[in-house]
Amino acid sequence: PAEGVPHGTTGIAADHGWMYCGHGAYVQLSEPFNYSCNGEYVDSGNMTAVDVEFEFHASVAQWVQLKVNATRIDWKVIKPGEYLAPPIFFEYKSNGNLIFESEGFGDMTGEDGDVIETYFAYKFLGTSDGWIRAADFNRQPFSRSVPEDECHNWNTLKLVQKIIVGDCVSACEYEAGGTIQVILAEQKPWLAHILGLV
């Protein structure tokens, strides 16, 4: 079937043959939907059976359910040292593989230009891929495969932050931020048409 689904389709569309079935599902009739008669069948009205062959196809989009227990970490640092924050938990369900991609991460920077060395690591089922400096974390996409028999269960990925506060780090306020994009790696291209993104 054709890939494009017209945005806002509610009935059979003449241009693509899509029909909205409710609850986020669309169906498309073969385009164009027509039939033809051939003169050689004029005398075949007394046939006992006529075979009509059909084809059925379903294209299932990838979906994800995502829960994140926190989106901010606040430190109160009393003295120099190396410190580890409690993990941020990503809980997710999906019917396909996911990619966690970061951007905008960096060391926490103070009002006077001083920096606090900042590191991140992903942990899955208690294991760690190692500490990565915050700026380099942007170039480290992290893939998670979801086994077919696990799509109905919540999976957990932990994001952990570590900071190193040196002796000469000034007494002031430090800030940093970043974005983690959860990419549905097996998404169908036709979904963008339904959502009106193209």
N, C-alpha and C. Protein backbone atom coordinates (compact mmCIF):
# COMPACT_ATOMS: atom_id res chain seq x y z
N PRO A 1 0.82 -1.20 0.00
CA PRO A 1 0.00 0.00 0.00
C PRO A 1 0.86 1.26 0.00
N ALA A 2 0.27 2.38 -0.38
CA ALA A 2 1.00 3.63 -0.39
C ALA A 2 1.37 4.04 1.02
N GLU A 3 2.45 4.85 1.15
CA GLU A 3 2.95 5.21 2.47
C GLU A 3 2.19 6.39 3.09
N GLY A 4 1.79 7.37 2.28
CA GLY A 4 1.25 8.61 2.83
C GLY A 4 -0.17 8.49 3.31
N VAL A 5 -0.42 9.00 4.52
CA VAL A 5 -1.78 9.05 5.04
C VAL A 5 -2.15 10.51 5.21
N PRO A 6 -3.18 11.02 4.54
CA PRO A 6 -3.54 12.43 4.66
C PRO A 6 -3.89 12.79 6.09
N HIS A 7 -3.40 13.96 6.55
CA HIS A 7 -3.67 14.41 7.91
C HIS A 7 -5.17 14.66 8.10
N GLY A 8 -5.71 14.20 9.23
CA GLY A 8 -7.10 14.44 9.56
C GLY A 8 -8.09 13.60 8.79
N THR A 9 -7.64 12.51 8.18
CA THR A 9 -8.55 11.67 7.41
C THR A 9 -9.63 11.08 8.30
N THR A 10 -10.89 11.21 7.91
CA THR A 10 -11.99 10.64 8.69
C THR A 10 -12.83 9.68 7.88
N GLY A 11 -12.67 9.65 6.60
CA GLY A 11 -13.43 8.73 5.75
C GLY A 11 -12.53 8.20 4.67
N ILE A 12 -13.09 7.57 3.66
CA ILE A 12 -12.27 7.07 2.56
C ILE A 12 -11.82 8.26 1.74
N ALA A 13 -10.51 8.46 1.68
CA ALA A 13 -9.97 9.59 0.93
C ALA A 13 -9.80 9.20 -0.52
N ALA A 14 -10.28 10.08 -1.41
CA ALA A 14 -10.24 9.75 -2.83
C ALA A 14 -8.81 9.68 -3.35
N ASP A 15 -7.89 10.46 -2.71
CA ASP A 15 -6.54 10.51 -3.26
C ASP A 15 -5.68 9.35 -2.80
N HIS A 16 -5.87 8.86 -1.59
CA HIS A 16 -5.03 7.78 -1.09
C HIS A 16 -5.82 6.56 -0.61
N GLY A 17 -7.13 6.66 -0.50
CA GLY A 17 -7.92 5.52 -0.10
C GLY A 17 -7.81 5.16 1.37
N TRP A 18 -7.39 6.12 2.24
CA TRP A 18 -7.28 5.83 3.66
C TRP A 18 -8.62 6.02 4.36
N MET A 19 -8.90 5.19 5.34
CA MET A 19 -10.13 5.31 6.12
C MET A 19 -9.76 5.18 7.59
N TYR A 20 -10.23 6.13 8.42
CA TYR A 20 -9.96 6.11 9.85
C TYR A 20 -10.90 5.13 10.53
N CYS A 21 -10.34 4.22 11.33
CA CYS A 21 -11.14 3.18 11.98
C CYS A 21 -11.33 3.44 13.47
N GLY A 22 -10.81 4.56 13.98
CA GLY A 22 -10.93 4.86 15.40
C GLY A 22 -9.76 4.33 16.20
N HIS A 23 -9.55 4.93 17.37
CA HIS A 23 -8.51 4.49 18.31
C HIS A 23 -7.12 4.52 17.67
N GLY A 24 -6.89 5.48 16.78
CA GLY A 24 -5.56 5.65 16.20
C GLY A 24 -5.22 4.71 15.07
N ALA A 25 -6.18 4.01 14.50
CA ALA A 25 -5.90 3.04 13.43
C ALA A 25 -6.49 3.53 12.11
N TYR A 26 -5.70 3.36 11.05
CA TYR A 26 -6.15 3.69 9.70
C TYR A 26 -6.07 2.45 8.83
N VAL A 27 -6.93 2.39 7.83
CA VAL A 27 -6.89 1.30 6.87
C VAL A 27 -6.92 1.92 5.49
N GLN A 28 -6.23 1.29 4.55
CA GLN A 28 -6.17 1.81 3.19
C GLN A 28 -6.63 0.76 2.20
N LEU A 29 -7.60 1.14 1.37
CA LEU A 29 -8.02 0.28 0.29
C LEU A 29 -7.04 0.43 -0.86
N SER A 30 -6.91 -0.61 -1.66
CA SER A 30 -6.00 -0.55 -2.79
C SER A 30 -6.37 0.64 -3.67
N GLU A 31 -5.35 1.39 -4.09
CA GLU A 31 -5.67 2.54 -4.91
C GLU A 31 -5.20 2.34 -6.34
N PRO A 32 -5.98 2.66 -7.36
CA PRO A 32 -7.39 3.04 -7.17
C PRO A 32 -8.26 1.81 -6.93
N PHE A 33 -9.36 2.00 -6.19
CA PHE A 33 -10.29 0.90 -5.94
C PHE A 33 -11.26 0.84 -7.12
N ASN A 34 -11.12 -0.18 -7.97
CA ASN A 34 -11.98 -0.27 -9.15
C ASN A 34 -12.10 -1.72 -9.58
N TYR A 35 -12.88 -1.94 -10.63
CA TYR A 35 -13.00 -3.28 -11.20
C TYR A 35 -13.16 -3.10 -12.71
N SER A 36 -12.95 -4.17 -13.44
CA SER A 36 -13.13 -4.10 -14.89
C SER A 36 -13.87 -5.34 -15.36
N CYS A 37 -14.61 -5.19 -16.45
CA CYS A 37 -15.33 -6.31 -17.06
C CYS A 37 -14.69 -6.63 -18.41
N ASN A 38 -14.63 -7.89 -18.69
CA ASN A 38 -14.07 -8.32 -19.96
C ASN A 38 -15.16 -9.01 -20.76
N GLY A 39 -15.26 -8.67 -22.03
CA GLY A 39 -16.33 -9.22 -22.87
C GLY A 39 -16.36 -10.73 -22.94
N GLU A 40 -15.23 -11.38 -22.73
CA GLU A 40 -15.23 -12.83 -22.85
C GLU A 40 -16.00 -13.51 -21.74
N TYR A 41 -16.38 -12.77 -20.69
CA TYR A 41 -17.16 -13.37 -19.61
C TYR A 41 -18.65 -13.11 -19.75
N VAL A 42 -19.06 -12.59 -20.87
CA VAL A 42 -20.47 -12.27 -21.06
C VAL A 42 -21.35 -13.49 -20.87
N ASP A 43 -20.89 -14.64 -21.31
CA ASP A 43 -21.71 -15.85 -21.24
C ASP A 43 -21.42 -16.70 -20.00
N SER A 44 -20.74 -16.10 -19.02
CA SER A 44 -20.34 -16.91 -17.87
C SER A 44 -21.24 -16.71 -16.66
N GLY A 45 -22.44 -16.25 -16.86
CA GLY A 45 -23.33 -16.02 -15.73
C GLY A 45 -23.79 -17.29 -15.05
N ASN A 46 -23.62 -18.44 -15.66
CA ASN A 46 -24.07 -19.68 -15.04
C ASN A 46 -22.94 -20.43 -14.33
N MET A 47 -21.79 -19.75 -14.07
CA MET A 47 -20.70 -20.41 -13.36
C MET A 47 -21.12 -20.70 -11.92
N THR A 48 -20.71 -21.83 -11.39
CA THR A 48 -21.09 -22.21 -10.03
C THR A 48 -20.28 -21.48 -8.97
N ALA A 49 -19.11 -20.99 -9.34
CA ALA A 49 -18.29 -20.28 -8.36
C ALA A 49 -17.37 -19.31 -9.08
N VAL A 50 -17.12 -18.19 -8.44
CA VAL A 50 -16.17 -17.19 -8.93
C VAL A 50 -15.21 -16.88 -7.80
N ASP A 51 -13.94 -17.08 -8.06
CA ASP A 51 -12.93 -16.80 -7.04
C ASP A 51 -12.58 -15.31 -7.04
N VAL A 52 -12.67 -14.70 -5.88
CA VAL A 52 -12.24 -13.31 -5.70
C VAL A 52 -11.12 -13.32 -4.66
N GLU A 53 -9.93 -12.98 -5.08
CA GLU A 53 -8.77 -13.02 -4.18
C GLU A 53 -8.57 -11.68 -3.49
N PHE A 54 -8.25 -11.74 -2.21
CA PHE A 54 -8.00 -10.54 -1.41
C PHE A 54 -6.61 -10.60 -0.82
N GLU A 55 -6.06 -9.44 -0.52
CA GLU A 55 -4.81 -9.33 0.22
C GLU A 55 -5.04 -8.40 1.41
N PHE A 56 -4.43 -8.73 2.54
CA PHE A 56 -4.57 -7.92 3.74
C PHE A 56 -3.19 -7.60 4.27
N HIS A 57 -3.01 -6.38 4.72
CA HIS A 57 -1.70 -5.92 5.19
C HIS A 57 -1.89 -5.01 6.39
N ALA A 58 -1.05 -5.13 7.37
CA ALA A 58 -1.06 -4.23 8.53
C ALA A 58 0.35 -3.71 8.76
N SER A 59 0.47 -2.42 8.94
CA SER A 59 1.74 -1.79 9.28
C SER A 59 1.59 -1.20 10.67
N VAL A 60 2.29 -1.75 11.66
CA VAL A 60 2.15 -1.35 13.05
C VAL A 60 3.25 -0.35 13.41
N ALA A 61 2.85 0.82 13.88
CA ALA A 61 3.82 1.83 14.29
C ALA A 61 4.45 1.44 15.62
N GLN A 62 5.65 1.96 15.86
CA GLN A 62 6.29 1.73 17.15
C GLN A 62 5.70 2.71 18.17
N TRP A 63 5.55 2.25 19.39
CA TRP A 63 5.04 3.08 20.46
C TRP A 63 5.97 2.96 21.66
N VAL A 64 5.89 3.91 22.57
CA VAL A 64 6.68 3.86 23.79
C VAL A 64 5.88 4.48 24.93
N GLN A 65 6.00 3.89 26.10
CA GLN A 65 5.53 4.48 27.34
C GLN A 65 6.78 4.77 28.17
N LEU A 66 6.87 5.99 28.70
CA LEU A 66 8.09 6.43 29.36
C LEU A 66 7.76 7.12 30.67
N LYS A 67 8.48 6.74 31.73
CA LYS A 67 8.36 7.41 33.02
C LYS A 67 9.77 7.79 33.48
N VAL A 68 9.94 9.04 33.92
CA VAL A 68 11.23 9.52 34.44
C VAL A 68 10.97 10.08 35.83
N ASN A 69 11.73 9.61 36.81
CA ASN A 69 11.42 9.95 38.20
C ASN A 69 11.91 11.34 38.60
N ALA A 70 12.80 11.96 37.83
CA ALA A 70 13.30 13.30 38.18
C ALA A 70 13.91 13.94 36.94
N THR A 71 13.84 15.27 36.88
CA THR A 71 14.47 16.00 35.78
C THR A 71 15.40 17.10 36.29
N ARG A 72 15.70 17.08 37.57
CA ARG A 72 16.60 18.08 38.14
C ARG A 72 17.38 17.46 39.30
N ILE A 73 18.67 17.80 39.38
CA ILE A 73 19.52 17.40 40.51
C ILE A 73 20.08 18.68 41.13
N ASP A 74 19.91 18.83 42.43
CA ASP A 74 20.46 19.97 43.17
C ASP A 74 21.52 19.48 44.15
N TRP A 75 22.70 20.07 44.05
CA TRP A 75 23.80 19.72 44.94
C TRP A 75 23.98 20.81 46.00
N LYS A 76 24.27 20.42 47.25
CA LYS A 76 24.71 21.32 48.31
C LYS A 76 26.09 20.79 48.75
N VAL A 77 27.15 21.43 48.25
CA VAL A 77 28.50 20.91 48.44
C VAL A 77 29.17 21.65 49.60
N ILE A 78 29.58 20.90 50.62
CA ILE A 78 30.18 21.49 51.81
C ILE A 78 31.69 21.62 51.68
N LYS A 79 32.33 20.66 51.03
CA LYS A 79 33.79 20.69 50.92
C LYS A 79 34.21 19.97 49.64
N PRO A 80 35.47 20.16 49.22
CA PRO A 80 35.95 19.51 47.99
C PRO A 80 35.83 17.99 48.10
N GLY A 81 35.67 17.37 46.93
CA GLY A 81 35.59 15.91 46.91
C GLY A 81 34.94 15.41 45.64
N GLU A 82 34.78 14.09 45.58
CA GLU A 82 34.12 13.43 44.45
C GLU A 82 32.79 12.90 44.95
N TYR A 83 31.71 13.26 44.24
CA TYR A 83 30.38 12.95 44.73
C TYR A 83 29.53 12.28 43.65
N LEU A 84 28.66 11.40 44.10
CA LEU A 84 27.80 10.63 43.20
C LEU A 84 26.34 10.89 43.58
N ALA A 85 25.52 11.25 42.59
CA ALA A 85 24.10 11.53 42.85
C ALA A 85 23.29 10.24 42.78
N PRO A 86 22.16 10.20 43.47
CA PRO A 86 21.24 9.07 43.27
C PRO A 86 20.83 9.02 41.79
N PRO A 87 20.60 7.84 41.26
CA PRO A 87 20.30 7.74 39.83
C PRO A 87 18.94 8.32 39.45
N ILE A 88 18.87 8.78 38.21
CA ILE A 88 17.60 9.11 37.58
C ILE A 88 17.12 7.87 36.85
N PHE A 89 15.88 7.47 37.09
CA PHE A 89 15.35 6.24 36.52
C PHE A 89 14.50 6.53 35.29
N PHE A 90 14.86 5.91 34.17
CA PHE A 90 14.01 5.86 33.00
C PHE A 90 13.31 4.51 33.00
N GLU A 91 12.00 4.51 33.10
CA GLU A 91 11.23 3.27 32.97
C GLU A 91 10.47 3.33 31.65
N TYR A 92 10.53 2.27 30.89
CA TYR A 92 9.94 2.33 29.55
C TYR A 92 9.37 0.98 29.13
N LYS A 93 8.34 1.07 28.29
CA LYS A 93 7.80 -0.07 27.55
C LYS A 93 7.79 0.32 26.08
N SER A 94 8.05 -0.62 25.21
CA SER A 94 7.99 -0.33 23.78
C SER A 94 7.90 -1.64 23.00
N ASN A 95 7.40 -1.53 21.78
CA ASN A 95 7.36 -2.69 20.89
C ASN A 95 8.48 -2.64 19.87
N GLY A 96 9.55 -1.92 20.19
CA GLY A 96 10.71 -1.84 19.31
C GLY A 96 11.91 -1.29 20.07
N ASN A 97 13.04 -1.24 19.40
CA ASN A 97 14.27 -0.78 20.03
C ASN A 97 14.27 0.74 20.20
N LEU A 98 14.98 1.20 21.23
CA LEU A 98 15.06 2.62 21.55
C LEU A 98 16.50 3.08 21.53
N ILE A 99 16.69 4.36 21.20
CA ILE A 99 18.01 4.99 21.26
C ILE A 99 17.89 6.22 22.16
N PHE A 100 18.76 6.31 23.17
CA PHE A 100 18.80 7.47 24.06
C PHE A 100 19.95 8.37 23.58
N GLU A 101 19.60 9.55 23.09
CA GLU A 101 20.60 10.44 22.49
C GLU A 101 20.62 11.75 23.25
N SER A 102 21.83 12.20 23.62
CA SER A 102 21.98 13.38 24.48
C SER A 102 22.49 14.57 23.68
N GLU A 103 22.10 15.76 24.12
CA GLU A 103 22.64 16.99 23.53
C GLU A 103 22.60 18.10 24.57
N GLY A 104 23.57 19.01 24.49
CA GLY A 104 23.61 20.17 25.38
C GLY A 104 24.24 19.92 26.73
N PHE A 105 24.80 18.74 26.98
CA PHE A 105 25.41 18.45 28.27
C PHE A 105 26.81 19.08 28.35
N GLY A 106 27.21 19.45 29.56
CA GLY A 106 28.54 20.03 29.78
C GLY A 106 28.82 20.13 31.26
N ASP A 107 30.03 20.55 31.60
CA ASP A 107 30.37 20.76 33.00
C ASP A 107 29.49 21.86 33.59
N MET A 108 29.21 21.76 34.88
CA MET A 108 28.51 22.85 35.55
C MET A 108 29.46 24.04 35.65
N THR A 109 28.96 25.22 35.25
CA THR A 109 29.78 26.42 35.18
C THR A 109 29.29 27.45 36.18
N GLY A 110 30.25 28.09 36.87
CA GLY A 110 29.91 29.07 37.88
C GLY A 110 29.81 30.48 37.33
N GLU A 111 29.36 31.38 38.20
CA GLU A 111 29.18 32.77 37.81
C GLU A 111 30.50 33.43 37.43
N ASP A 112 31.60 32.96 38.01
CA ASP A 112 32.91 33.54 37.74
C ASP A 112 33.69 32.76 36.68
N GLY A 113 33.05 31.77 36.05
CA GLY A 113 33.71 31.01 35.00
C GLY A 113 34.34 29.71 35.46
N ASP A 114 34.41 29.48 36.77
CA ASP A 114 34.92 28.20 37.25
C ASP A 114 33.98 27.07 36.82
N VAL A 115 34.54 25.87 36.75
CA VAL A 115 33.73 24.72 36.36
C VAL A 115 33.86 23.60 37.39
N ILE A 116 32.81 22.83 37.51
CA ILE A 116 32.82 21.59 38.28
C ILE A 116 32.84 20.45 37.29
N GLU A 117 33.86 19.62 37.36
CA GLU A 117 33.95 18.47 36.45
C GLU A 117 32.71 17.59 36.65
N THR A 118 32.03 17.32 35.55
CA THR A 118 30.77 16.59 35.60
C THR A 118 30.84 15.38 34.68
N TYR A 119 30.39 14.24 35.19
CA TYR A 119 30.43 12.99 34.44
C TYR A 119 29.06 12.32 34.50
N PHE A 120 28.79 11.50 33.48
CA PHE A 120 27.54 10.74 33.45
C PHE A 120 27.83 9.29 33.06
N ALA A 121 26.92 8.42 33.46
CA ALA A 121 26.99 7.02 33.04
C ALA A 121 25.58 6.46 33.01
N TYR A 122 25.33 5.62 32.03
CA TYR A 122 24.08 4.85 31.99
C TYR A 122 24.33 3.51 32.67
N LYS A 123 23.34 3.07 33.43
CA LYS A 123 23.43 1.76 34.05
C LYS A 123 22.16 0.98 33.72
N PHE A 124 22.33 -0.30 33.41
CA PHE A 124 21.21 -1.16 33.06
C PHE A 124 21.39 -2.47 33.80
N LEU A 125 20.41 -2.81 34.62
CA LEU A 125 20.46 -4.05 35.41
C LEU A 125 21.72 -4.14 36.25
N GLY A 126 22.12 -2.98 36.82
CA GLY A 126 23.24 -2.98 37.74
C GLY A 126 24.60 -2.84 37.11
N THR A 127 24.70 -2.88 35.79
CA THR A 127 26.00 -2.74 35.13
C THR A 127 26.17 -1.32 34.61
N SER A 128 27.41 -0.90 34.41
CA SER A 128 27.69 0.46 33.95
C SER A 128 28.57 0.42 32.72
N ASP A 129 28.35 1.37 31.82
CA ASP A 129 29.19 1.49 30.64
C ASP A 129 30.39 2.39 30.89
N GLY A 130 30.59 2.86 32.11
CA GLY A 130 31.73 3.70 32.44
C GLY A 130 31.38 5.17 32.44
N TRP A 131 32.19 5.96 33.16
CA TRP A 131 31.94 7.39 33.29
C TRP A 131 32.40 8.13 32.04
N ILE A 132 31.56 9.08 31.60
CA ILE A 132 31.85 9.86 30.41
C ILE A 132 31.75 11.34 30.79
N ARG A 133 32.77 12.11 30.43
CA ARG A 133 32.74 13.56 30.70
C ARG A 133 31.51 14.16 30.02
N ALA A 134 30.89 15.13 30.69
CA ALA A 134 29.59 15.64 30.26
C ALA A 134 29.57 16.08 28.80
N ALA A 135 30.59 16.81 28.35
CA ALA A 135 30.61 17.28 26.96
C ALA A 135 30.69 16.12 25.98
N ASP A 136 31.41 15.07 26.35
CA ASP A 136 31.53 13.89 25.48
C ASP A 136 30.28 13.03 25.50
N PHE A 137 29.47 13.21 26.53
CA PHE A 137 28.24 12.44 26.66
C PHE A 137 27.29 12.72 25.49
N ASN A 138 27.43 13.91 24.88
CA ASN A 138 26.58 14.27 23.75
C ASN A 138 26.85 13.41 22.53
N ARG A 139 28.02 12.80 22.47
CA ARG A 139 28.39 12.00 21.30
C ARG A 139 28.33 10.50 21.60
N GLN A 140 27.53 10.15 22.61
CA GLN A 140 27.46 8.75 23.03
C GLN A 140 26.01 8.25 23.01
N PRO A 141 25.40 8.05 21.84
CA PRO A 141 24.04 7.48 21.82
C PRO A 141 24.03 6.10 22.46
N PHE A 142 22.99 5.83 23.20
CA PHE A 142 22.89 4.58 23.96
C PHE A 142 21.67 3.82 23.48
N SER A 143 21.87 2.62 22.97
CA SER A 143 20.78 1.83 22.39
C SER A 143 20.30 0.78 23.38
N ARG A 144 18.98 0.59 23.41
CA ARG A 144 18.40 -0.46 24.23
C ARG A 144 17.47 -1.30 23.36
N SER A 145 17.74 -2.57 23.27
CA SER A 145 16.86 -3.48 22.55
C SER A 145 15.78 -3.98 23.50
N VAL A 146 14.58 -4.12 22.97
CA VAL A 146 13.45 -4.61 23.76
C VAL A 146 13.03 -5.95 23.19
N PRO A 147 13.32 -7.06 23.89
CA PRO A 147 12.90 -8.37 23.38
C PRO A 147 11.40 -8.43 23.16
N GLU A 148 10.98 -9.18 22.15
CA GLU A 148 9.56 -9.24 21.80
C GLU A 148 8.69 -9.72 22.96
N ASP A 149 9.23 -10.61 23.78
CA ASP A 149 8.42 -11.13 24.88
C ASP A 149 8.49 -10.24 26.12
N GLU A 150 9.18 -9.07 26.01
CA GLU A 150 9.31 -8.18 27.15
C GLU A 150 8.60 -6.85 26.93
N CYS A 151 7.90 -6.70 25.79
CA CYS A 151 7.33 -5.39 25.47
C CYS A 151 6.22 -4.98 26.44
N HIS A 152 5.63 -5.93 27.16
CA HIS A 152 4.56 -5.60 28.10
C HIS A 152 5.10 -5.31 29.49
N ASN A 153 6.41 -5.49 29.71
CA ASN A 153 7.02 -5.26 31.01
C ASN A 153 7.75 -3.92 31.03
N TRP A 154 7.83 -3.31 32.21
CA TRP A 154 8.62 -2.10 32.37
C TRP A 154 10.10 -2.46 32.44
N ASN A 155 10.90 -1.82 31.60
CA ASN A 155 12.35 -1.95 31.65
C ASN A 155 12.91 -0.70 32.32
N THR A 156 14.08 -0.83 32.93
CA THR A 156 14.66 0.29 33.67
C THR A 156 16.07 0.59 33.18
N LEU A 157 16.30 1.87 32.94
CA LEU A 157 17.63 2.38 32.61
C LEU A 157 17.95 3.49 33.59
N LYS A 158 19.14 3.45 34.19
CA LYS A 158 19.51 4.45 35.19
C LYS A 158 20.57 5.39 34.63
N LEU A 159 20.34 6.69 34.83
CA LEU A 159 21.32 7.72 34.48
C LEU A 159 21.92 8.25 35.77
N VAL A 160 23.25 8.16 35.90
CA VAL A 160 23.92 8.55 37.13
C VAL A 160 24.87 9.72 36.83
N GLN A 161 24.90 10.69 37.74
CA GLN A 161 25.78 11.84 37.60
C GLN A 161 26.84 11.83 38.70
N LYS A 162 28.07 12.14 38.30
CA LYS A 162 29.18 12.27 39.25
C LYS A 162 29.82 13.63 39.06
N ILE A 163 30.19 14.29 40.17
CA ILE A 163 30.90 15.56 40.08
C ILE A 163 32.19 15.48 40.89
N ILE A 164 33.18 16.22 40.43
CA ILE A 164 34.45 16.34 41.15
C ILE A 164 34.65 17.81 41.46
N VAL A 165 34.61 18.15 42.74
CA VAL A 165 34.76 19.53 43.20
C VAL A 165 36.19 19.71 43.71
N GLY A 166 36.97 20.48 42.97
CA GLY A 166 38.36 20.70 43.34
C GLY A 166 38.53 21.72 44.45
N ASP A 167 39.74 21.78 45.00
CA ASP A 167 40.02 22.70 46.10
C ASP A 167 39.81 24.16 45.71
N CYS A 168 40.08 24.49 44.46
CA CYS A 168 40.02 25.89 44.02
C CYS A 168 38.70 26.27 43.36
N VAL A 169 37.71 25.41 43.46
CA VAL A 169 36.39 25.75 42.93
C VAL A 169 35.76 26.80 43.82
N SER A 170 35.43 27.94 43.22
CA SER A 170 34.94 29.09 43.99
C SER A 170 33.59 28.82 44.64
N ALA A 171 33.34 29.55 45.72
CA ALA A 171 32.05 29.47 46.40
C ALA A 171 31.05 30.34 45.65
N CYS A 172 30.28 29.73 44.77
CA CYS A 172 29.24 30.44 44.01
C CYS A 172 28.25 29.41 43.47
N GLU A 173 27.34 29.85 42.65
CA GLU A 173 26.32 28.97 42.09
C GLU A 173 26.77 28.45 40.72
N TYR A 174 26.51 27.19 40.46
CA TYR A 174 26.92 26.54 39.21
C TYR A 174 25.69 25.95 38.52
N GLU A 175 25.68 26.06 37.21
CA GLU A 175 24.54 25.58 36.44
C GLU A 175 24.99 24.79 35.22
N ALA A 176 24.14 23.87 34.81
CA ALA A 176 24.31 23.13 33.55
C ALA A 176 22.97 22.50 33.22
N GLY A 177 22.86 21.97 32.03
CA GLY A 177 21.62 21.31 31.62
C GLY A 177 21.87 20.43 30.42
N GLY A 178 20.84 19.91 29.88
CA GLY A 178 20.96 19.04 28.71
C GLY A 178 19.63 18.39 28.39
N THR A 179 19.58 17.76 27.25
CA THR A 179 18.37 17.10 26.78
C THR A 179 18.69 15.68 26.36
N ILE A 180 17.86 14.74 26.76
CA ILE A 180 17.97 13.36 26.29
C ILE A 180 16.74 13.08 25.43
N GLN A 181 17.00 12.73 24.19
CA GLN A 181 15.93 12.41 23.25
C GLN A 181 15.80 10.90 23.16
N VAL A 182 14.60 10.41 23.40
CA VAL A 182 14.34 8.97 23.29
C VAL A 182 13.80 8.73 21.88
N ILE A 183 14.60 8.06 21.05
CA ILE A 183 14.28 7.86 19.64
C ILE A 183 13.69 6.47 19.45
N LEU A 184 12.56 6.41 18.80
CA LEU A 184 11.94 5.12 18.45
C LEU A 184 12.60 4.62 17.17
N ALA A 185 13.52 3.69 17.33
CA ALA A 185 14.42 3.32 16.24
C ALA A 185 13.73 2.58 15.10
N GLU A 186 12.55 2.04 15.35
CA GLU A 186 11.86 1.25 14.33
C GLU A 186 10.53 1.88 13.91
N GLN A 187 10.47 3.21 14.01
CA GLN A 187 9.23 3.89 13.67
C GLN A 187 8.94 3.83 12.18
N LYS A 188 7.66 3.84 11.84
CA LYS A 188 7.22 3.77 10.45
C LYS A 188 7.16 5.17 9.84
N PRO A 189 7.64 5.35 8.62
CA PRO A 189 7.65 6.69 8.02
C PRO A 189 6.28 7.27 7.78
N TRP A 190 5.26 6.42 7.62
CA TRP A 190 3.92 6.96 7.33
C TRP A 190 3.30 7.67 8.53
N LEU A 191 3.83 7.42 9.74
CA LEU A 191 3.23 8.03 10.92
C LEU A 191 3.33 9.55 10.88
N ALA A 192 4.40 10.07 10.28
CA ALA A 192 4.56 11.51 10.19
C ALA A 192 3.42 12.16 9.42
N HIS A 193 2.86 11.45 8.44
CA HIS A 193 1.73 11.99 7.68
C HIS A 193 0.48 12.07 8.55
N ILE A 194 0.25 11.04 9.36
CA ILE A 194 -0.92 11.05 10.24
C ILE A 194 -0.82 12.19 11.25
N LEU A 195 0.38 12.42 11.79
CA LEU A 195 0.57 13.44 12.80
C LEU A 195 0.71 14.83 12.20
N GLY A 196 0.72 14.93 10.88
CA GLY A 196 0.83 16.23 10.23
C GLY A 196 2.21 16.85 10.31
N LEU A 197 3.26 16.01 10.43
CA LEU A 197 4.62 16.52 10.58
C LEU A 197 5.29 16.77 9.24
N VAL A 198 4.73 16.26 8.17
CA VAL A 198 5.29 16.48 6.84
C VAL A 198 4.18 16.92 5.89
